C-alpha atoms as a PDB file:
ATOM      1  CA  MET A   1     163.120  56.736 158.145  1.00  0.00           C
ATOM      2  CA  VAL A   2     161.135  56.908 154.516  1.00  0.00           C
ATOM      3  CA  LEU A   3     157.641  57.548 155.339  1.00  0.00           C
ATOM      4  CA  LEU A   4     155.411  56.129 152.321  1.00  0.00           C
ATOM      5  CA  SER A   5     152.187  57.715 150.733  1.00  0.00           C
ATOM      6  CA  SER A   6     148.533  56.025 151.412  1.00  0.00           C
ATOM      7  CA  GLN A   7     149.230  55.282 147.785  1.00  0.00           C
ATOM      8  CA  GLU A   8     152.639  53.752 147.758  1.00  0.00           C
ATOM      9  CA  MET A   9     151.796  51.642 150.525  1.00  0.00           C
ATOM     10  CA  LYS A  10     148.949  50.730 148.827  1.00  0.00           C
ATOM     11  CA  TYR A  11     150.841  49.495 145.869  1.00  0.00           C
ATOM     12  CA  THR A  12     153.977  48.188 147.840  1.00  0.00           C
ATOM     13  CA  GLU A  13     152.533  45.782 149.595  1.00  0.00           C
ATOM     14  CA  ALA A  14     150.294  43.581 146.999  1.00  0.00           C
ATOM     15  CA  PRO A  15     146.706  41.691 147.737  1.00  0.00           C
ATOM     16  CA  SER A  16     147.641  37.965 147.489  1.00  0.00           C
ATOM     17  CA  VAL A  17     146.279  36.855 144.247  1.00  0.00           C
ATOM     18  CA  SER A  18     146.052  34.265 142.593  1.00  0.00           C
ATOM     19  CA  PHE A  19     147.680  33.291 138.658  1.00  0.00           C
ATOM     20  CA  GLY A  20     146.318  31.052 136.180  1.00  0.00           C
ATOM     21  CA  ILE A  21     146.905  31.076 132.505  1.00  0.00           C
ATOM     22  CA  ASP A  22     144.626  31.158 129.699  1.00  0.00           C
ATOM     23  CA  LEU A  23     146.211  28.949 127.005  1.00  0.00           C
ATOM     24  CA  GLY A  24     144.230  30.512 124.017  1.00  0.00           C
ATOM     25  CA  PRO A  25     147.437  32.309 122.395  1.00  0.00           C
ATOM     26  CA  PHE A  26     149.709  29.019 122.869  1.00  0.00           C
ATOM     27  CA  PHE A  27     147.820  27.692 120.461  1.00  0.00           C
ATOM     28  CA  LYS A  28     148.935  29.916 118.052  1.00  0.00           C
ATOM     29  CA  VAL A  29     152.522  29.770 118.807  1.00  0.00           C
ATOM     30  CA  SER A  30     151.958  26.239 118.418  1.00  0.00           C
ATOM     31  CA  ARG A  31     149.563  24.107 116.387  1.00  0.00           C
ATOM     32  CA  SER A  32     150.172  20.852 117.898  1.00  0.00           C
ATOM     33  CA  LEU A  33     147.225  19.775 120.165  1.00  0.00           C
ATOM     34  CA  SER A  34     150.143  17.240 121.885  1.00  0.00           C
ATOM     35  CA  SER A  35     152.182  20.577 122.978  1.00  0.00           C
ATOM     36  CA  PHE A  36     149.628  21.255 125.449  1.00  0.00           C
ATOM     37  CA  THR A  37     150.970  18.761 127.581  1.00  0.00           C
ATOM     38  CA  LYS A  38     154.355  19.765 127.894  1.00  0.00           C
ATOM     39  CA  VAL A  39     153.268  23.398 128.487  1.00  0.00           C
ATOM     40  CA  ALA A  40     150.495  22.825 130.744  1.00  0.00           C
ATOM     41  CA  VAL A  41     153.136  20.381 133.081  1.00  0.00           C
ATOM     42  CA  GLU A  42     155.284  23.527 133.076  1.00  0.00           C
ATOM     43  CA  ILE A  43     152.760  25.644 134.276  1.00  0.00           C
ATOM     44  CA  GLU A  44     152.309  23.366 136.983  1.00  0.00           C
ATOM     45  CA  ARG A  45     155.939  23.273 137.728  1.00  0.00           C
ATOM     46  CA  LEU A  46     156.250  26.653 137.620  1.00  0.00           C
ATOM     47  CA  GLY A  47     154.023  27.254 140.726  1.00  0.00           C
ATOM     48  CA  PHE A  48     150.725  28.916 138.467  1.00  0.00           C
ATOM     49  CA  ASP A  49     147.598  28.255 140.330  1.00  0.00           C
ATOM     50  CA  SER A  50     145.346  26.911 137.082  1.00  0.00           C
ATOM     51  CA  VAL A  51     145.310  26.760 133.587  1.00  0.00           C
ATOM     52  CA  TRP A  52     142.483  27.625 131.330  1.00  0.00           C
ATOM     53  CA  ILE A  53     141.227  26.736 127.502  1.00  0.00           C
ATOM     54  CA  PRO A  54     138.660  29.408 125.935  1.00  0.00           C
ATOM     55  CA  ASP A  55     135.921  27.963 123.559  1.00  0.00           C
ATOM     56  CA  HIS A  56     137.183  28.827 120.346  1.00  0.00           C
ATOM     57  CA  GLY A  57     139.516  27.286 117.942  1.00  0.00           C
ATOM     58  CA  ILE A  58     139.262  23.621 119.894  1.00  0.00           C
ATOM     59  CA  ASP A  59     136.942  22.223 122.321  1.00  0.00           C
ATOM     60  CA  PRO A  60     137.931  23.353 126.028  1.00  0.00           C
ATOM     61  CA  LEU A  61     136.958  20.179 127.979  1.00  0.00           C
ATOM     62  CA  PRO A  62     138.241  17.343 125.952  1.00  0.00           C
ATOM     63  CA  THR A  63     141.416  19.014 125.962  1.00  0.00           C
ATOM     64  CA  LEU A  64     141.506  20.212 129.672  1.00  0.00           C
ATOM     65  CA  SER A  65     140.615  16.086 130.175  1.00  0.00           C
ATOM     66  CA  PHE A  66     143.840  15.395 128.238  1.00  0.00           C
ATOM     67  CA  ILE A  67     146.101  18.186 130.916  1.00  0.00           C
ATOM     68  CA  ALA A  68     144.192  16.670 133.697  1.00  0.00           C
ATOM     69  CA  ALA A  69     145.650  13.250 132.581  1.00  0.00           C
ATOM     70  CA  ASN A  70     149.231  14.778 132.817  1.00  0.00           C
ATOM     71  CA  THR A  71     149.114  17.085 135.971  1.00  0.00           C
ATOM     72  CA  THR A  72     148.085  16.485 139.526  1.00  0.00           C
ATOM     73  CA  LYS A  73     147.369  19.793 141.546  1.00  0.00           C
ATOM     74  CA  ILE A  74     146.769  22.867 139.530  1.00  0.00           C
ATOM     75  CA  LYS A  75     143.186  23.335 138.978  1.00  0.00           C
ATOM     76  CA  LEU A  76     141.347  23.551 135.226  1.00  0.00           C
ATOM     77  CA  GLY A  77     138.905  25.755 133.901  1.00  0.00           C
ATOM     78  CA  THR A  78     137.427  27.430 130.756  1.00  0.00           C
ATOM     79  CA  CYS A  79     137.526  31.241 130.174  1.00  0.00           C
ATOM     80  CA  VAL A  80     135.004  31.235 128.662  1.00  0.00           C
ATOM     81  CA  LEU A  81     132.762  28.551 127.675  1.00  0.00           C
ATOM     82  CA  ILE A  82     129.272  29.397 125.575  1.00  0.00           C
ATOM     83  CA  PRO A  83     126.900  26.669 127.052  1.00  0.00           C
ATOM     84  CA  ASN A  84     124.357  27.708 124.275  1.00  0.00           C
ATOM     85  CA  HIS A  85     126.449  25.699 121.901  1.00  0.00           C
ATOM     86  CA  ARG A  86     125.649  22.359 123.773  1.00  0.00           C
ATOM     87  CA  HIS A  87     122.746  20.539 124.877  1.00  0.00           C
ATOM     88  CA  PRO A  88     122.435  20.865 129.006  1.00  0.00           C
ATOM     89  CA  VAL A  89     122.015  17.198 129.361  1.00  0.00           C
ATOM     90  CA  LEU A  90     125.231  16.423 127.538  1.00  0.00           C
ATOM     91  CA  LEU A  91     126.906  18.882 128.710  1.00  0.00           C
ATOM     92  CA  ALA A  92     126.415  18.233 132.684  1.00  0.00           C
ATOM     93  CA  ARG A  93     127.434  14.616 131.886  1.00  0.00           C
ATOM     94  CA  GLU A  94     130.887  16.098 130.370  1.00  0.00           C
ATOM     95  CA  ILE A  95     131.965  18.196 132.975  1.00  0.00           C
ATOM     96  CA  SER A  96     131.035  15.870 135.704  1.00  0.00           C
ATOM     97  CA  THR A  97     133.690  13.525 133.918  1.00  0.00           C
ATOM     98  CA  LEU A  98     136.082  15.679 133.750  1.00  0.00           C
ATOM     99  CA  ASP A  99     135.868  16.893 137.505  1.00  0.00           C
ATOM    100  CA  ASN A 100     135.887  13.465 138.438  1.00  0.00           C
ATOM    101  CA  LEU A 101     139.009  12.983 135.702  1.00  0.00           C
ATOM    102  CA  SER A 102     140.677  15.492 137.459  1.00  0.00           C
ATOM    103  CA  GLU A 103     139.538  14.851 141.106  1.00  0.00           C
ATOM    104  CA  GLY A 104     138.287  18.256 141.091  1.00  0.00           C
ATOM    105  CA  ARG A 105     139.985  20.360 140.161  1.00  0.00           C
ATOM    106  CA  PHE A 106     137.367  21.732 137.531  1.00  0.00           C
ATOM    107  CA  ILE A 107     136.188  25.463 137.443  1.00  0.00           C
ATOM    108  CA  LEU A 108     133.487  26.136 135.007  1.00  0.00           C
ATOM    109  CA  GLY A 109     133.587  29.442 133.115  1.00  0.00           C
ATOM    110  CA  LEU A 110     130.731  30.530 131.659  1.00  0.00           C
ATOM    111  CA  GLY A 111     129.804  33.453 128.829  1.00  0.00           C
ATOM    112  CA  ALA A 112     126.431  34.283 127.342  1.00  0.00           C
ATOM    113  CA  GLY A 113     128.078  34.820 123.512  1.00  0.00           C
ATOM    114  CA  GLU A 114     126.503  37.074 121.507  1.00  0.00           C
ATOM    115  CA  ASP A 115     122.986  36.483 119.376  1.00  0.00           C
ATOM    116  CA  LYS A 116     123.843  35.779 116.098  1.00  0.00           C
ATOM    117  CA  GLU A 117     124.055  32.424 114.194  1.00  0.00           C
ATOM    118  CA  MET A 118     126.964  29.810 115.286  1.00  0.00           C
ATOM    119  CA  PHE A 119     127.771  26.512 113.617  1.00  0.00           C
ATOM    120  CA  GLY A 120     124.675  26.945 111.351  1.00  0.00           C
ATOM    121  CA  THR A 121     122.148  27.466 113.758  1.00  0.00           C
ATOM    122  CA  MET A 122     120.867  30.955 114.853  1.00  0.00           C
ATOM    123  CA  ILE A 123     121.245  31.845 118.727  1.00  0.00           C
ATOM    124  CA  ASP A 124     118.797  34.014 120.142  1.00  0.00           C
ATOM    125  CA  ARG A 125     118.275  35.739 123.093  1.00  0.00           C
ATOM    126  CA  PRO A 126     121.582  34.130 124.103  1.00  0.00           C
ATOM    127  CA  VAL A 127     121.883  35.680 127.953  1.00  0.00           C
ATOM    128  CA  ALA A 128     118.189  33.966 128.259  1.00  0.00           C
ATOM    129  CA  ARG A 129     119.341  30.600 127.300  1.00  0.00           C
ATOM    130  CA  MET A 130     122.400  30.733 128.924  1.00  0.00           C
ATOM    131  CA  LEU A 131     120.433  31.004 132.655  1.00  0.00           C
ATOM    132  CA  GLU A 132     118.022  28.176 131.302  1.00  0.00           C
ATOM    133  CA  THR A 133     120.710  26.262 131.039  1.00  0.00           C
ATOM    134  CA  VAL A 134     122.514  27.179 134.144  1.00  0.00           C
ATOM    135  CA  GLU A 135     119.457  25.894 136.094  1.00  0.00           C
ATOM    136  CA  ILE A 136     119.387  23.100 134.433  1.00  0.00           C
ATOM    137  CA  LEU A 137     122.957  21.651 135.172  1.00  0.00           C
ATOM    138  CA  GLU A 138     122.517  22.791 138.715  1.00  0.00           C
ATOM    139  CA  GLU A 139     119.535  20.816 138.803  1.00  0.00           C
ATOM    140  CA  LEU A 140     120.873  17.933 136.734  1.00  0.00           C
ATOM    141  CA  TRP A 141     123.738  17.989 139.452  1.00  0.00           C
ATOM    142  CA  GLU A 142     121.874  18.304 142.947  1.00  0.00           C
ATOM    143  CA  ARG A 143     118.839  16.400 142.071  1.00  0.00           C
ATOM    144  CA  PRO A 144     118.559  12.591 141.497  1.00  0.00           C
ATOM    145  CA  ARG A 145     116.051  13.267 138.441  1.00  0.00           C
ATOM    146  CA  VAL A 146     114.790  16.176 136.644  1.00  0.00           C
ATOM    147  CA  ALA A 147     111.646  17.135 134.475  1.00  0.00           C
ATOM    148  CA  HIS A 148     112.189  20.790 132.876  1.00  0.00           C
ATOM    149  CA  GLN A 149     110.187  22.372 130.476  1.00  0.00           C
ATOM    150  CA  GLY A 150     111.525  25.634 129.677  1.00  0.00           C
ATOM    151  CA  ASN A 151     111.938  27.770 127.000  1.00  0.00           C
ATOM    152  CA  PHE A 152     114.534  26.354 125.091  1.00  0.00           C
ATOM    153  CA  TRP A 153     115.169  23.250 127.002  1.00  0.00           C
ATOM    154  CA  GLU A 154     112.805  20.084 127.714  1.00  0.00           C
ATOM    155  CA  ILE A 155     114.072  17.065 129.439  1.00  0.00           C
ATOM    156  CA  LYS A 156     111.527  14.171 130.633  1.00  0.00           C
ATOM    157  CA  ASN A 157     112.473  12.399 134.225  1.00  0.00           C
ATOM    158  CA  PHE A 158     116.228  11.917 133.384  1.00  0.00           C
ATOM    159  CA  SER A 159     118.834  11.091 135.842  1.00  0.00           C
ATOM    160  CA  LEU A 160     122.167  11.910 136.036  1.00  0.00           C
ATOM    161  CA  GLU A 161     123.980   8.795 136.834  1.00  0.00           C
ATOM    162  CA  LEU A 162     127.583  10.278 137.324  1.00  0.00           C
ATOM    163  CA  LYS A 163     127.686  13.211 139.469  1.00  0.00           C
ATOM    164  CA  PRO A 164     130.503  15.775 140.089  1.00  0.00           C
ATOM    165  CA  LEU A 165     133.115  15.288 142.543  1.00  0.00           C
ATOM    166  CA  GLN A 166     133.303  18.418 143.803  1.00  0.00           C
ATOM    167  CA  LYS A 167     129.650  18.929 146.128  1.00  0.00           C
ATOM    168  CA  PRO A 168     127.380  20.437 145.596  1.00  0.00           C
ATOM    169  CA  HIS A 169     129.079  21.178 141.643  1.00  0.00           C
ATOM    170  CA  PRO A 170     132.544  22.970 140.383  1.00  0.00           C
ATOM    171  CA  PRO A 171     132.394  26.617 140.812  1.00  0.00           C
ATOM    172  CA  ILE A 172     130.714  28.211 138.171  1.00  0.00           C
ATOM    173  CA  TRP A 173     132.541  31.479 137.029  1.00  0.00           C
ATOM    174  CA  PHE A 174     130.879  34.223 134.908  1.00  0.00           C
ATOM    175  CA  GLY A 175     132.237  36.711 131.997  1.00  0.00           C
ATOM    176  CA  ALA A 176     129.680  39.526 133.158  1.00  0.00           C
ATOM    177  CA  SER A 177     129.207  43.216 132.231  1.00  0.00           C
ATOM    178  CA  GLY A 178     125.850  44.095 131.540  1.00  0.00           C
ATOM    179  CA  PRO A 179     123.497  44.174 134.939  1.00  0.00           C
ATOM    180  CA  ARG A 180     121.609  40.751 133.972  1.00  0.00           C
ATOM    181  CA  MET A 181     125.117  39.220 133.504  1.00  0.00           C
ATOM    182  CA  LEU A 182     125.914  40.583 137.098  1.00  0.00           C
ATOM    183  CA  ARG A 183     122.707  39.651 138.359  1.00  0.00           C
ATOM    184  CA  ILE A 184     123.068  35.853 137.104  1.00  0.00           C
ATOM    185  CA  THR A 185     126.523  35.943 138.702  1.00  0.00           C
ATOM    186  CA  ALA A 186     125.669  37.489 141.969  1.00  0.00           C
ATOM    187  CA  GLU A 187     122.640  34.614 142.492  1.00  0.00           C
ATOM    188  CA  HIS A 188     125.114  31.824 140.368  1.00  0.00           C
ATOM    189  CA  GLY A 189     128.625  32.688 140.121  1.00  0.00           C
ATOM    190  CA  GLU A 190     131.405  32.042 142.582  1.00  0.00           C
ATOM    191  CA  GLY A 191     134.026  33.573 140.330  1.00  0.00           C
ATOM    192  CA  CYS A 192     133.358  36.848 137.748  1.00  0.00           C
ATOM    193  CA  PHE A 193     135.854  37.897 134.831  1.00  0.00           C
ATOM    194  CA  GLY A 194     135.701  41.698 134.566  1.00  0.00           C
ATOM    195  CA  PRO A 195     136.032  43.283 131.320  1.00  0.00           C
ATOM    196  CA  GLN A 196     137.215  46.406 132.016  1.00  0.00           C
ATOM    197  CA  LEU A 197     140.512  47.948 130.689  1.00  0.00           C
ATOM    198  CA  VAL A 198     141.885  49.930 133.013  1.00  0.00           C
ATOM    199  CA  PRO A 199     141.829  49.878 136.627  1.00  0.00           C
ATOM    200  CA  GLN A 200     139.626  52.600 137.598  1.00  0.00           C
ATOM    201  CA  GLU A 201     136.739  51.316 135.229  1.00  0.00           C
ATOM    202  CA  TYR A 202     137.296  47.706 137.252  1.00  0.00           C
ATOM    203  CA  LYS A 203     136.977  49.191 140.203  1.00  0.00           C
ATOM    204  CA  LYS A 204     133.469  50.616 139.615  1.00  0.00           C
ATOM    205  CA  TRP A 205     132.644  47.429 138.027  1.00  0.00           C
ATOM    206  CA  LEU A 206     133.240  45.592 141.227  1.00  0.00           C
ATOM    207  CA  GLU A 207     131.834  47.727 142.772  1.00  0.00           C
ATOM    208  CA  LYS A 208     128.473  47.463 141.029  1.00  0.00           C
ATOM    209  CA  LEU A 209     128.520  43.643 141.095  1.00  0.00           C
ATOM    210  CA  ARG A 210     129.294  43.844 145.217  1.00  0.00           C
ATOM    211  CA  SER A 211     125.847  46.342 145.381  1.00  0.00           C
ATOM    212  CA  ILE A 212     123.674  43.349 143.327  1.00  0.00           C
ATOM    213  CA  THR A 213     125.002  40.657 145.260  1.00  0.00           C
ATOM    214  CA  ARG A 214     124.403  42.219 148.494  1.00  0.00           C
ATOM    215  CA  GLY A 215     120.973  43.104 147.355  1.00  0.00           C
ATOM    216  CA  ILE A 216     119.916  39.208 147.026  1.00  0.00           C
ATOM    217  CA  GLY A 217     121.385  38.717 150.323  1.00  0.00           C
ATOM    218  CA  ARG A 218     124.533  37.224 149.544  1.00  0.00           C
ATOM    219  CA  ASN A 219     127.605  38.076 150.663  1.00  0.00           C
ATOM    220  CA  ALA A 220     129.670  39.662 148.062  1.00  0.00           C
ATOM    221  CA  ALA A 221     133.221  37.956 149.193  1.00  0.00           C
ATOM    222  CA  GLU A 222     131.975  34.750 148.595  1.00  0.00           C
ATOM    223  CA  ILE A 223     132.613  35.872 144.618  1.00  0.00           C
ATOM    224  CA  THR A 224     136.165  35.784 143.054  1.00  0.00           C
ATOM    225  CA  PRO A 225     136.697  38.760 141.240  1.00  0.00           C
ATOM    226  CA  ALA A 226     138.905  37.910 138.847  1.00  0.00           C
ATOM    227  CA  HIS A 227     140.524  39.727 135.371  1.00  0.00           C
ATOM    228  CA  LEU A 228     141.684  37.963 132.053  1.00  0.00           C
ATOM    229  CA  PRO A 229     144.209  40.749 130.519  1.00  0.00           C
ATOM    230  CA  PHE A 230     146.372  40.182 127.545  1.00  0.00           C
ATOM    231  CA  THR A 231     150.106  40.471 128.046  1.00  0.00           C
ATOM    232  CA  SER A 232     153.767  40.519 126.710  1.00  0.00           C
ATOM    233  CA  ILE A 233     156.784  40.062 128.911  1.00  0.00           C
ATOM    234  CA  SER A 234     160.410  40.590 128.026  1.00  0.00           C
ATOM    235  CA  GLU A 235     163.509  42.140 129.705  1.00  0.00           C
ATOM    236  CA  ASP A 236     163.280  44.642 126.756  1.00  0.00           C
ATOM    237  CA  HIS A 237     159.716  46.632 127.256  1.00  0.00           C
ATOM    238  CA  ASP A 238     160.145  47.415 123.194  1.00  0.00           C
ATOM    239  CA  ALA A 239     160.330  43.940 122.156  1.00  0.00           C
ATOM    240  CA  ALA A 240     157.152  42.976 124.694  1.00  0.00           C
ATOM    241  CA  LEU A 241     155.037  45.856 122.706  1.00  0.00           C
ATOM    242  CA  GLU A 242     156.298  44.692 119.320  1.00  0.00           C
ATOM    243  CA  TRP A 243     155.019  40.656 120.355  1.00  0.00           C
ATOM    244  CA  LEU A 244     151.753  42.404 121.709  1.00  0.00           C
ATOM    245  CA  GLU A 245     150.475  44.764 119.390  1.00  0.00           C
ATOM    246  CA  PRO A 246     149.297  43.157 116.482  1.00  0.00           C
ATOM    247  CA  HIS A 247     147.129  40.696 118.805  1.00  0.00           C
ATOM    248  CA  VAL A 248     145.172  43.280 120.475  1.00  0.00           C
ATOM    249  CA  LYS A 249     145.188  46.839 118.130  1.00  0.00           C
ATOM    250  CA  TRP A 250     141.581  44.665 116.929  1.00  0.00           C
ATOM    251  CA  PHE A 251     140.896  44.300 120.419  1.00  0.00           C
ATOM    252  CA  LEU A 252     140.857  48.067 121.146  1.00  0.00           C
ATOM    253  CA  LEU A 253     139.151  49.325 118.160  1.00  0.00           C
ATOM    254  CA  TRP A 254     135.978  46.714 118.695  1.00  0.00           C
ATOM    255  CA  ALA A 255     136.009  48.077 122.450  1.00  0.00           C
ATOM    256  CA  SER A 256     136.388  51.599 121.829  1.00  0.00           C
ATOM    257  CA  GLN A 257     133.060  51.203 119.685  1.00  0.00           C
ATOM    258  CA  PRO A 258     129.607  53.123 121.447  1.00  0.00           C
ATOM    259  CA  PRO A 259     128.140  52.780 123.854  1.00  0.00           C
ATOM    260  CA  SER A 260     132.043  52.420 124.978  1.00  0.00           C
ATOM    261  CA  SER A 261     133.791  55.496 127.058  1.00  0.00           C
ATOM    262  CA  ILE A 262     137.056  53.715 126.918  1.00  0.00           C
ATOM    263  CA  LEU A 263     137.949  56.907 124.688  1.00  0.00           C
ATOM    264  CA  GLN A 264     136.609  58.889 127.239  1.00  0.00           C
ATOM    265  CA  THR A 265     138.466  57.350 130.088  1.00  0.00           C
ATOM    266  CA  LEU A 266     142.196  57.681 127.901  1.00  0.00           C
ATOM    267  CA  GLY A 267     141.669  60.859 127.137  1.00  0.00           C
ATOM    268  CA  TYR A 268     141.119  60.632 123.410  1.00  0.00           C
ATOM    269  CA  LYS A 269     139.149  62.767 121.763  1.00  0.00           C
ATOM    270  CA  GLU A 270     139.507  61.332 118.062  1.00  0.00           C
ATOM    271  CA  LYS A 271     137.296  58.206 117.159  1.00  0.00           C
ATOM    272  CA  TRP A 272     139.322  55.234 116.260  1.00  0.00           C
ATOM    273  CA  GLU A 273     138.033  54.515 112.450  1.00  0.00           C
ATOM    274  CA  LYS A 274     140.438  51.848 111.963  1.00  0.00           C
ATOM    275  CA  GLU A 275     143.681  49.453 113.718  1.00  0.00           C
ATOM    276  CA  ALA A 276     146.128  51.564 112.499  1.00  0.00           C
ATOM    277  CA  ASP A 277     144.665  55.132 114.624  1.00  0.00           C
ATOM    278  CA  VAL A 278     145.066  53.134 117.879  1.00  0.00           C
ATOM    279  CA  PRO A 279     148.111  54.461 119.313  1.00  0.00           C
ATOM    280  CA  ARG A 280     150.807  52.935 121.082  1.00  0.00           C
ATOM    281  CA  GLU A 281     150.622  54.799 124.045  1.00  0.00           C
ATOM    282  CA  ALA A 282     146.963  53.174 124.379  1.00  0.00           C
ATOM    283  CA  ILE A 283     148.153  49.863 124.111  1.00  0.00           C
ATOM    284  CA  GLU A 284     150.648  50.274 127.000  1.00  0.00           C
ATOM    285  CA  ARG A 285     147.721  51.623 129.002  1.00  0.00           C
ATOM    286  CA  CYS A 286     145.244  48.811 128.557  1.00  0.00           C
ATOM    287  CA  PHE A 287     147.017  46.248 128.391  1.00  0.00           C
ATOM    288  CA  ILE A 288     150.012  44.135 130.740  1.00  0.00           C
ATOM    289  CA  VAL A 289     153.156  44.858 128.714  1.00  0.00           C
ATOM    290  CA  GLY A 290     156.588  45.711 129.559  1.00  0.00           C
ATOM    291  CA  THR A 291     159.549  44.211 131.561  1.00  0.00           C
ATOM    292  CA  PRO A 292     158.899  42.077 134.761  1.00  0.00           C
ATOM    293  CA  GLU A 293     159.106  45.268 137.175  1.00  0.00           C
ATOM    294  CA  GLU A 294     156.712  47.377 134.326  1.00  0.00           C
ATOM    295  CA  CYS A 295     154.191  44.086 134.652  1.00  0.00           C
ATOM    296  CA  VAL A 296     153.923  44.163 138.024  1.00  0.00           C
ATOM    297  CA  ASN A 297     153.381  48.017 138.971  1.00  0.00           C
ATOM    298  CA  LYS A 298     150.513  47.685 136.430  1.00  0.00           C
ATOM    299  CA  LEU A 299     149.042  44.403 137.990  1.00  0.00           C
ATOM    300  CA  LYS A 300     149.710  46.238 141.441  1.00  0.00           C
ATOM    301  CA  GLU A 301     147.021  48.776 140.163  1.00  0.00           C
ATOM    302  CA  PHE A 302     144.172  46.156 139.033  1.00  0.00           C
ATOM    303  CA  ALA A 303     144.685  44.200 142.666  1.00  0.00           C
ATOM    304  CA  GLY A 304     144.650  47.866 144.207  1.00  0.00           C
ATOM    305  CA  SER A 305     141.209  48.126 142.859  1.00  0.00           C
ATOM    306  CA  GLY A 306     140.113  44.628 144.023  1.00  0.00           C
ATOM    307  CA  VAL A 307     141.224  41.725 141.045  1.00  0.00           C
ATOM    308  CA  ARG A 308     142.080  38.747 143.100  1.00  0.00           C
ATOM    309  CA  TYR A 309     142.781  36.431 140.580  1.00  0.00           C
ATOM    310  CA  PHE A 310     144.246  36.829 137.329  1.00  0.00           C
ATOM    311  CA  VAL A 311     143.734  34.476 134.511  1.00  0.00           C
ATOM    312  CA  ILE A 312     147.038  35.889 131.893  1.00  0.00           C
ATOM    313  CA  ALA A 313     146.975  35.702 128.205  1.00  0.00           C
ATOM    314  CA  ILE A 314     150.521  35.318 127.586  1.00  0.00           C
ATOM    315  CA  HIS A 315     151.323  36.707 123.493  1.00  0.00           C
ATOM    316  CA  ALA A 316     154.673  35.426 122.578  1.00  0.00           C
ATOM    317  CA  PRO A 317     156.248  35.060 118.858  1.00  0.00           C
ATOM    318  CA  ASP A 318     157.082  31.379 119.323  1.00  0.00           C
ATOM    319  CA  ILE A 319     157.588  28.396 121.526  1.00  0.00           C
ATOM    320  CA  GLU A 320     160.862  29.721 123.217  1.00  0.00           C
ATOM    321  CA  SER A 321     159.918  33.249 123.962  1.00  0.00           C
ATOM    322  CA  TYR A 322     156.275  32.105 125.467  1.00  0.00           C
ATOM    323  CA  PHE A 323     158.050  29.467 128.040  1.00  0.00           C
ATOM    324  CA  HIS A 324     160.442  31.865 128.886  1.00  0.00           C
ATOM    325  CA  SER A 325     157.582  34.288 129.472  1.00  0.00           C
ATOM    326  CA  LEU A 326     156.363  31.976 131.776  1.00  0.00           C
ATOM    327  CA  LYS A 327     159.415  32.088 133.732  1.00  0.00           C
ATOM    328  CA  LEU A 328     158.997  35.437 134.058  1.00  0.00           C
ATOM    329  CA  TYR A 329     155.670  35.373 135.609  1.00  0.00           C
ATOM    330  CA  ALA A 330     156.561  32.376 137.680  1.00  0.00           C
ATOM    331  CA  GLU A 331     159.970  34.096 139.109  1.00  0.00           C
ATOM    332  CA  GLU A 332     160.090  38.031 138.827  1.00  0.00           C
ATOM    333  CA  VAL A 333     156.379  38.776 139.081  1.00  0.00           C
ATOM    334  CA  MET A 334     154.301  36.490 140.686  1.00  0.00           C
ATOM    335  CA  PRO A 335     156.477  36.566 144.305  1.00  0.00           C
ATOM    336  CA  HIS A 336     155.178  40.225 144.697  1.00  0.00           C
ATOM    337  CA  PHE A 337     151.116  39.183 145.192  1.00  0.00           C
ATOM    338  CA  LYS A 338     151.813  35.923 147.039  1.00  0.00           C
ATOM    339  CA  GLY A 339     151.811  35.120 150.413  1.00  0.00           C
ATOM    340  CA  ASN A 340     151.200  38.294 152.416  1.00  0.00           C
ATOM    341  CA  GLY A 341     148.256  37.084 154.188  1.00  0.00           C
ATOM    342  CA  LEU A 342     145.259  38.641 152.699  1.00  0.00           C
ATOM    343  CA  SER A 343     142.393  36.271 151.501  1.00  0.00           C
ATOM    344  CA  ALA A 344     140.956  36.082 148.306  1.00  0.00           C
ATOM    345  CA  ASN A 345     138.229  38.809 148.285  1.00  0.00           C
ATOM    346  CA  GLU A 346     140.051  41.093 151.070  1.00  0.00           C
END
């Protein structure tokens, strides 16, 4: 009889975890928007839980409406939508329409964005602006008529005719790192994307979120801990690393800038000044890359740190490789995380 250590037992039986696909990287290998139908149908057929569109390059809401018309059960989400670019009344109407068209399958993933010029207009105080938009959205969806006078928006006695199919409204998830966004998540969120690149840092982040949530008198288990990792998967480890490397070096360089502690966490003493300074070993440690077995082991580490929903951003060099990567995840990775009876927040 072989006795496993507690650490081995922890990672041998992974918690039950959901898997979604962030289609942002797919747009880089297929510039045809009509191909989104084909890939979304395949994602649904393979048994993934959801498909997500980021708010750059293309508009996520009409794209998800297009996908909704060609699928029947897969959840549809934004990862993440920046509400500050849109008038809240129009956004509420678009989301209500999408939720009804999809028969209640929409998840609203939100992020504050940055304090900078967008579309020729300066967006200042992004977190405060986002919070006001969220509060307006909830009022429009839940109340028959809304009058609002805030710091950013004024609404005079408006009634949103079409309400969302999901009651009281679609679940709202946030991309959150700092204390203000974590507080907003605790007050309004049903899910949250953690930004951490290594499992031990994710665990610390999740403990902060749960502490804040409990502090306002809410059950922390009501918020799904999610992670959105960049990934490349192949039967050949080196091929997967080669696919992923050009897409993430810039991200690691950006993520290593002060006040980030990622360099210290990874054990590097020298600051990275340019992309060429980012070692391959750091990519392998910070992202989900390699063979199916290697990807399973890395995902289990994150699951052991509390992740209960992965929205994976697959990078592949072409459409054929992308579809094969989906198949590898569905057949050789996801089965390790499904059906062992744990709830989504254990």
